[in-house]
Amino acid sequence: MYFIVVKYQVKPEFSESFMSHVAQFTEATRAEAGNMWFDWSRSVEDANEYVLVEAFRDDEAASAHVNSEHFAAGLESMRPLLVQTPKIISRKIDGEDWEEMGELQIG
């Protein structure tokens, strides 16, 4: 699977409305056949930083995502909202889903 984490530094005037600006992009990506998850979070230390954790099943799914119309449109719609180029970690890793944490078992 492709596991991706992206950090977006949002202009302060858009920090409260950012999620509404990316709603269509998020919905369209989650509807992709090869998307496993597409989850946004907001930093607890910086209200202007949003973090996206996403995964795609395989090479084909990742390629379909970055070559989709909604991907291009989503990036363009974000461009005026951002302070800087987003920071990304994108890796192909073994696994098919989230696994339980071995160091902290509950029940």
N, C-alpha and C. Protein backbone atom coordinates (compact mmCIF):
# COMPACT_ATOMS: atom_id res chain seq x y z
N MET A 1 0.84 -1.17 0.00
CA MET A 1 0.00 0.00 0.00
C MET A 1 0.89 1.24 0.00
N TYR A 2 0.33 2.34 -0.48
CA TYR A 2 0.99 3.64 -0.38
C TYR A 2 0.44 4.35 0.85
N PHE A 3 1.34 4.73 1.74
CA PHE A 3 0.99 5.44 2.96
C PHE A 3 1.56 6.84 2.85
N ILE A 4 0.70 7.85 3.02
CA ILE A 4 1.09 9.23 2.77
C ILE A 4 0.64 10.11 3.94
N VAL A 5 1.53 10.99 4.36
CA VAL A 5 1.21 12.00 5.36
C VAL A 5 1.63 13.35 4.78
N VAL A 6 0.72 14.31 4.79
CA VAL A 6 1.01 15.63 4.25
C VAL A 6 0.66 16.69 5.30
N LYS A 7 1.56 17.64 5.50
CA LYS A 7 1.32 18.75 6.43
C LYS A 7 1.09 20.02 5.60
N TYR A 8 -0.04 20.67 5.87
CA TYR A 8 -0.42 21.89 5.16
C TYR A 8 -0.38 23.06 6.15
N GLN A 9 0.37 24.09 5.81
CA GLN A 9 0.40 25.31 6.62
C GLN A 9 -0.55 26.31 5.98
N VAL A 10 -1.68 26.53 6.65
CA VAL A 10 -2.77 27.33 6.12
C VAL A 10 -2.64 28.79 6.57
N LYS A 11 -2.97 29.71 5.68
CA LYS A 11 -2.98 31.13 6.06
C LYS A 11 -3.98 31.32 7.20
N PRO A 12 -3.62 32.14 8.19
CA PRO A 12 -4.49 32.30 9.36
C PRO A 12 -5.93 32.66 9.03
N GLU A 13 -6.14 33.46 8.01
CA GLU A 13 -7.51 33.86 7.66
C GLU A 13 -8.35 32.72 7.10
N PHE A 14 -7.71 31.58 6.77
CA PHE A 14 -8.44 30.42 6.26
C PHE A 14 -8.42 29.24 7.21
N SER A 15 -7.80 29.40 8.37
CA SER A 15 -7.63 28.25 9.26
C SER A 15 -8.96 27.67 9.74
N GLU A 16 -9.96 28.51 9.95
CA GLU A 16 -11.26 28.00 10.42
C GLU A 16 -12.11 27.43 9.30
N SER A 17 -11.89 27.88 8.08
CA SER A 17 -12.74 27.45 6.96
C SER A 17 -12.05 26.44 6.04
N PHE A 18 -10.83 26.07 6.35
CA PHE A 18 -10.05 25.21 5.46
C PHE A 18 -10.78 23.91 5.11
N MET A 19 -11.38 23.27 6.09
CA MET A 19 -12.04 21.98 5.83
C MET A 19 -13.20 22.12 4.85
N SER A 20 -13.89 23.23 4.87
CA SER A 20 -14.98 23.41 3.90
C SER A 20 -14.42 23.60 2.50
N HIS A 21 -13.23 24.19 2.40
CA HIS A 21 -12.59 24.38 1.09
C HIS A 21 -12.12 23.06 0.48
N VAL A 22 -11.79 22.09 1.30
CA VAL A 22 -11.27 20.81 0.80
C VAL A 22 -12.33 19.70 0.83
N ALA A 23 -13.56 20.05 1.14
CA ALA A 23 -14.62 19.04 1.30
C ALA A 23 -14.87 18.24 0.02
N GLN A 24 -14.97 18.90 -1.12
CA GLN A 24 -15.24 18.18 -2.38
C GLN A 24 -14.07 17.27 -2.74
N PHE A 25 -12.86 17.78 -2.58
CA PHE A 25 -11.65 16.99 -2.84
C PHE A 25 -11.63 15.76 -1.94
N THR A 26 -11.94 15.95 -0.68
CA THR A 26 -11.96 14.85 0.29
C THR A 26 -13.00 13.81 -0.09
N GLU A 27 -14.21 14.26 -0.38
CA GLU A 27 -15.30 13.34 -0.73
C GLU A 27 -14.97 12.55 -1.99
N ALA A 28 -14.45 13.23 -3.00
CA ALA A 28 -14.12 12.55 -4.26
C ALA A 28 -13.00 11.53 -4.07
N THR A 29 -12.00 11.87 -3.26
CA THR A 29 -10.90 10.94 -3.02
C THR A 29 -11.37 9.73 -2.23
N ARG A 30 -12.18 9.95 -1.22
CA ARG A 30 -12.70 8.82 -0.43
C ARG A 30 -13.55 7.89 -1.28
N ALA A 31 -14.13 8.39 -2.36
CA ALA A 31 -14.97 7.56 -3.25
C ALA A 31 -14.15 6.74 -4.25
N GLU A 32 -12.86 7.00 -4.35
CA GLU A 32 -12.01 6.24 -5.27
C GLU A 32 -11.94 4.78 -4.84
N ALA A 33 -12.00 3.89 -5.80
CA ALA A 33 -12.00 2.45 -5.51
C ALA A 33 -10.77 2.01 -4.72
N GLY A 34 -9.61 2.60 -4.99
CA GLY A 34 -8.38 2.17 -4.34
C GLY A 34 -7.99 2.95 -3.11
N ASN A 35 -8.82 3.90 -2.70
CA ASN A 35 -8.52 4.67 -1.49
C ASN A 35 -8.87 3.86 -0.26
N MET A 36 -7.94 3.79 0.67
CA MET A 36 -8.17 3.04 1.90
C MET A 36 -8.63 3.96 3.02
N TRP A 37 -8.02 5.15 3.11
CA TRP A 37 -8.48 6.18 4.03
C TRP A 37 -7.91 7.52 3.59
N PHE A 38 -8.56 8.57 4.03
CA PHE A 38 -8.20 9.94 3.69
C PHE A 38 -8.68 10.79 4.85
N ASP A 39 -7.84 10.91 5.88
CA ASP A 39 -8.24 11.48 7.17
C ASP A 39 -7.48 12.76 7.50
N TRP A 40 -8.24 13.82 7.72
CA TRP A 40 -7.67 15.11 8.10
C TRP A 40 -7.64 15.24 9.62
N SER A 41 -6.60 15.91 10.11
CA SER A 41 -6.49 16.30 11.52
C SER A 41 -5.94 17.71 11.56
N ARG A 42 -6.16 18.34 12.69
CA ARG A 42 -5.62 19.68 12.91
C ARG A 42 -4.62 19.60 14.05
N SER A 43 -3.50 20.24 13.90
CA SER A 43 -2.46 20.22 14.92
C SER A 43 -2.98 20.79 16.23
N VAL A 44 -2.62 20.16 17.33
CA VAL A 44 -2.99 20.67 18.65
C VAL A 44 -2.03 21.77 19.09
N GLU A 45 -0.92 21.93 18.38
CA GLU A 45 0.07 22.95 18.72
C GLU A 45 0.03 24.17 17.81
N ASP A 46 -0.51 24.00 16.60
CA ASP A 46 -0.54 25.09 15.62
C ASP A 46 -1.89 25.05 14.91
N ALA A 47 -2.77 25.96 15.23
CA ALA A 47 -4.13 25.97 14.66
C ALA A 47 -4.14 26.19 13.16
N ASN A 48 -3.02 26.60 12.59
CA ASN A 48 -2.93 26.83 11.14
C ASN A 48 -2.36 25.63 10.39
N GLU A 49 -2.07 24.55 11.10
CA GLU A 49 -1.50 23.37 10.46
C GLU A 49 -2.53 22.23 10.42
N TYR A 50 -2.76 21.73 9.21
CA TYR A 50 -3.61 20.57 9.01
C TYR A 50 -2.75 19.43 8.52
N VAL A 51 -3.08 18.22 8.97
CA VAL A 51 -2.33 17.03 8.60
C VAL A 51 -3.29 16.05 7.94
N LEU A 52 -2.89 15.55 6.80
CA LEU A 52 -3.68 14.58 6.05
C LEU A 52 -2.95 13.25 6.07
N VAL A 53 -3.64 12.20 6.53
CA VAL A 53 -3.10 10.83 6.51
C VAL A 53 -3.96 10.06 5.52
N GLU A 54 -3.31 9.52 4.51
CA GLU A 54 -4.04 8.83 3.45
C GLU A 54 -3.32 7.56 3.02
N ALA A 55 -4.07 6.64 2.43
CA ALA A 55 -3.47 5.41 1.93
C ALA A 55 -4.23 4.93 0.70
N PHE A 56 -3.46 4.29 -0.19
CA PHE A 56 -4.02 3.71 -1.42
C PHE A 56 -3.52 2.28 -1.55
N ARG A 57 -4.37 1.42 -2.05
CA ARG A 57 -4.09 -0.03 -2.07
C ARG A 57 -2.81 -0.43 -2.79
N ASP A 58 -2.54 0.19 -3.95
CA ASP A 58 -1.43 -0.27 -4.77
C ASP A 58 -0.99 0.83 -5.74
N ASP A 59 -0.02 0.49 -6.61
CA ASP A 59 0.49 1.45 -7.59
C ASP A 59 -0.62 2.01 -8.47
N GLU A 60 -1.50 1.14 -8.90
CA GLU A 60 -2.58 1.54 -9.79
C GLU A 60 -3.51 2.56 -9.10
N ALA A 61 -3.85 2.30 -7.86
CA ALA A 61 -4.74 3.20 -7.13
C ALA A 61 -4.07 4.55 -6.87
N ALA A 62 -2.79 4.53 -6.50
CA ALA A 62 -2.06 5.79 -6.25
C ALA A 62 -1.95 6.60 -7.54
N SER A 63 -1.67 5.93 -8.63
CA SER A 63 -1.57 6.61 -9.92
C SER A 63 -2.92 7.19 -10.35
N ALA A 64 -3.98 6.41 -10.17
CA ALA A 64 -5.32 6.90 -10.53
C ALA A 64 -5.66 8.15 -9.72
N HIS A 65 -5.25 8.18 -8.46
CA HIS A 65 -5.53 9.34 -7.61
C HIS A 65 -4.84 10.59 -8.12
N VAL A 66 -3.52 10.52 -8.31
CA VAL A 66 -2.78 11.73 -8.71
C VAL A 66 -3.07 12.16 -10.14
N ASN A 67 -3.66 11.28 -10.94
CA ASN A 67 -4.02 11.63 -12.31
C ASN A 67 -5.49 11.96 -12.49
N SER A 68 -6.23 12.03 -11.38
CA SER A 68 -7.66 12.32 -11.46
C SER A 68 -7.91 13.82 -11.61
N GLU A 69 -9.06 14.15 -12.17
CA GLU A 69 -9.45 15.55 -12.30
C GLU A 69 -9.62 16.20 -10.94
N HIS A 70 -10.21 15.47 -9.99
CA HIS A 70 -10.44 16.09 -8.68
C HIS A 70 -9.14 16.33 -7.92
N PHE A 71 -8.09 15.55 -8.21
CA PHE A 71 -6.79 15.80 -7.58
C PHE A 71 -6.24 17.14 -8.05
N ALA A 72 -6.21 17.35 -9.35
CA ALA A 72 -5.71 18.62 -9.90
C ALA A 72 -6.55 19.79 -9.41
N ALA A 73 -7.85 19.63 -9.44
CA ALA A 73 -8.75 20.70 -8.98
C ALA A 73 -8.57 20.97 -7.49
N GLY A 74 -8.40 19.91 -6.71
CA GLY A 74 -8.21 20.07 -5.26
C GLY A 74 -6.95 20.82 -4.92
N LEU A 75 -5.86 20.49 -5.62
CA LEU A 75 -4.60 21.20 -5.37
C LEU A 75 -4.72 22.67 -5.74
N GLU A 76 -5.34 22.95 -6.87
CA GLU A 76 -5.50 24.34 -7.29
C GLU A 76 -6.37 25.12 -6.33
N SER A 77 -7.40 24.48 -5.79
CA SER A 77 -8.27 25.19 -4.85
C SER A 77 -7.57 25.47 -3.52
N MET A 78 -6.57 24.65 -3.17
CA MET A 78 -5.81 24.86 -1.94
C MET A 78 -4.74 25.93 -2.07
N ARG A 79 -4.21 26.06 -3.27
CA ARG A 79 -3.05 26.94 -3.49
C ARG A 79 -3.18 28.32 -2.83
N PRO A 80 -4.28 29.07 -3.03
CA PRO A 80 -4.37 30.40 -2.43
C PRO A 80 -4.58 30.40 -0.91
N LEU A 81 -4.84 29.23 -0.33
CA LEU A 81 -5.10 29.13 1.10
C LEU A 81 -3.85 28.85 1.92
N LEU A 82 -2.76 28.50 1.23
CA LEU A 82 -1.56 28.00 1.91
C LEU A 82 -0.44 29.03 2.01
N VAL A 83 0.32 28.92 3.09
CA VAL A 83 1.46 29.79 3.33
C VAL A 83 2.67 29.32 2.53
N GLN A 84 2.82 28.01 2.42
CA GLN A 84 4.01 27.42 1.79
C GLN A 84 3.66 26.08 1.15
N THR A 85 4.61 25.55 0.43
CA THR A 85 4.46 24.24 -0.18
C THR A 85 4.29 23.20 0.93
N PRO A 86 3.27 22.34 0.82
CA PRO A 86 3.07 21.32 1.85
C PRO A 86 4.28 20.38 1.97
N LYS A 87 4.45 19.82 3.14
CA LYS A 87 5.51 18.84 3.42
C LYS A 87 4.87 17.45 3.36
N ILE A 88 5.57 16.50 2.72
CA ILE A 88 4.97 15.17 2.50
C ILE A 88 5.95 14.05 2.80
N ILE A 89 5.40 12.97 3.30
CA ILE A 89 6.09 11.68 3.36
C ILE A 89 5.19 10.71 2.61
N SER A 90 5.71 10.09 1.58
CA SER A 90 4.94 9.15 0.76
C SER A 90 5.79 7.91 0.54
N ARG A 91 5.31 6.78 1.04
CA ARG A 91 6.10 5.54 0.96
C ARG A 91 5.21 4.36 0.60
N LYS A 92 5.77 3.47 -0.19
CA LYS A 92 5.12 2.19 -0.44
C LYS A 92 5.57 1.28 0.69
N ILE A 93 4.60 0.71 1.41
CA ILE A 93 4.93 -0.12 2.57
C ILE A 93 4.17 -1.44 2.51
N ASP A 94 4.66 -2.41 3.25
CA ASP A 94 3.94 -3.68 3.40
C ASP A 94 2.75 -3.44 4.32
N GLY A 95 1.71 -4.17 4.09
CA GLY A 95 0.53 -4.08 4.94
C GLY A 95 -0.71 -3.79 4.12
N GLU A 96 -1.84 -4.08 4.73
CA GLU A 96 -3.12 -3.89 4.05
C GLU A 96 -4.08 -3.04 4.85
N ASP A 97 -3.70 -2.66 6.08
CA ASP A 97 -4.58 -1.85 6.92
C ASP A 97 -3.80 -1.47 8.17
N TRP A 98 -4.44 -0.73 9.06
CA TRP A 98 -3.86 -0.42 10.36
C TRP A 98 -3.68 -1.71 11.14
N GLU A 99 -2.62 -1.78 11.93
CA GLU A 99 -2.38 -2.93 12.79
C GLU A 99 -2.43 -2.48 14.24
N GLU A 100 -2.66 -3.41 15.15
CA GLU A 100 -2.66 -3.09 16.58
C GLU A 100 -1.24 -2.76 17.03
N MET A 101 -1.13 -1.82 17.95
CA MET A 101 0.16 -1.44 18.51
C MET A 101 0.60 -2.49 19.52
N GLY A 102 1.73 -3.10 19.28
CA GLY A 102 2.22 -4.17 20.16
C GLY A 102 2.63 -3.70 21.54
N GLU A 103 3.10 -2.45 21.64
CA GLU A 103 3.61 -1.94 22.89
C GLU A 103 2.52 -1.47 23.85
N LEU A 104 1.29 -1.32 23.36
CA LEU A 104 0.21 -0.85 24.22
C LEU A 104 -1.04 -1.64 23.91
N GLN A 105 -1.19 -2.75 24.59
CA GLN A 105 -2.34 -3.63 24.38
C GLN A 105 -3.41 -3.32 25.42
N ILE A 106 -4.65 -3.24 24.98
CA ILE A 106 -5.78 -2.97 25.86
C ILE A 106 -6.71 -4.20 25.86
N GLY A 107 -7.06 -4.64 27.07
CA GLY A 107 -8.00 -5.75 27.23
C GLY A 107 -7.46 -7.00 26.75
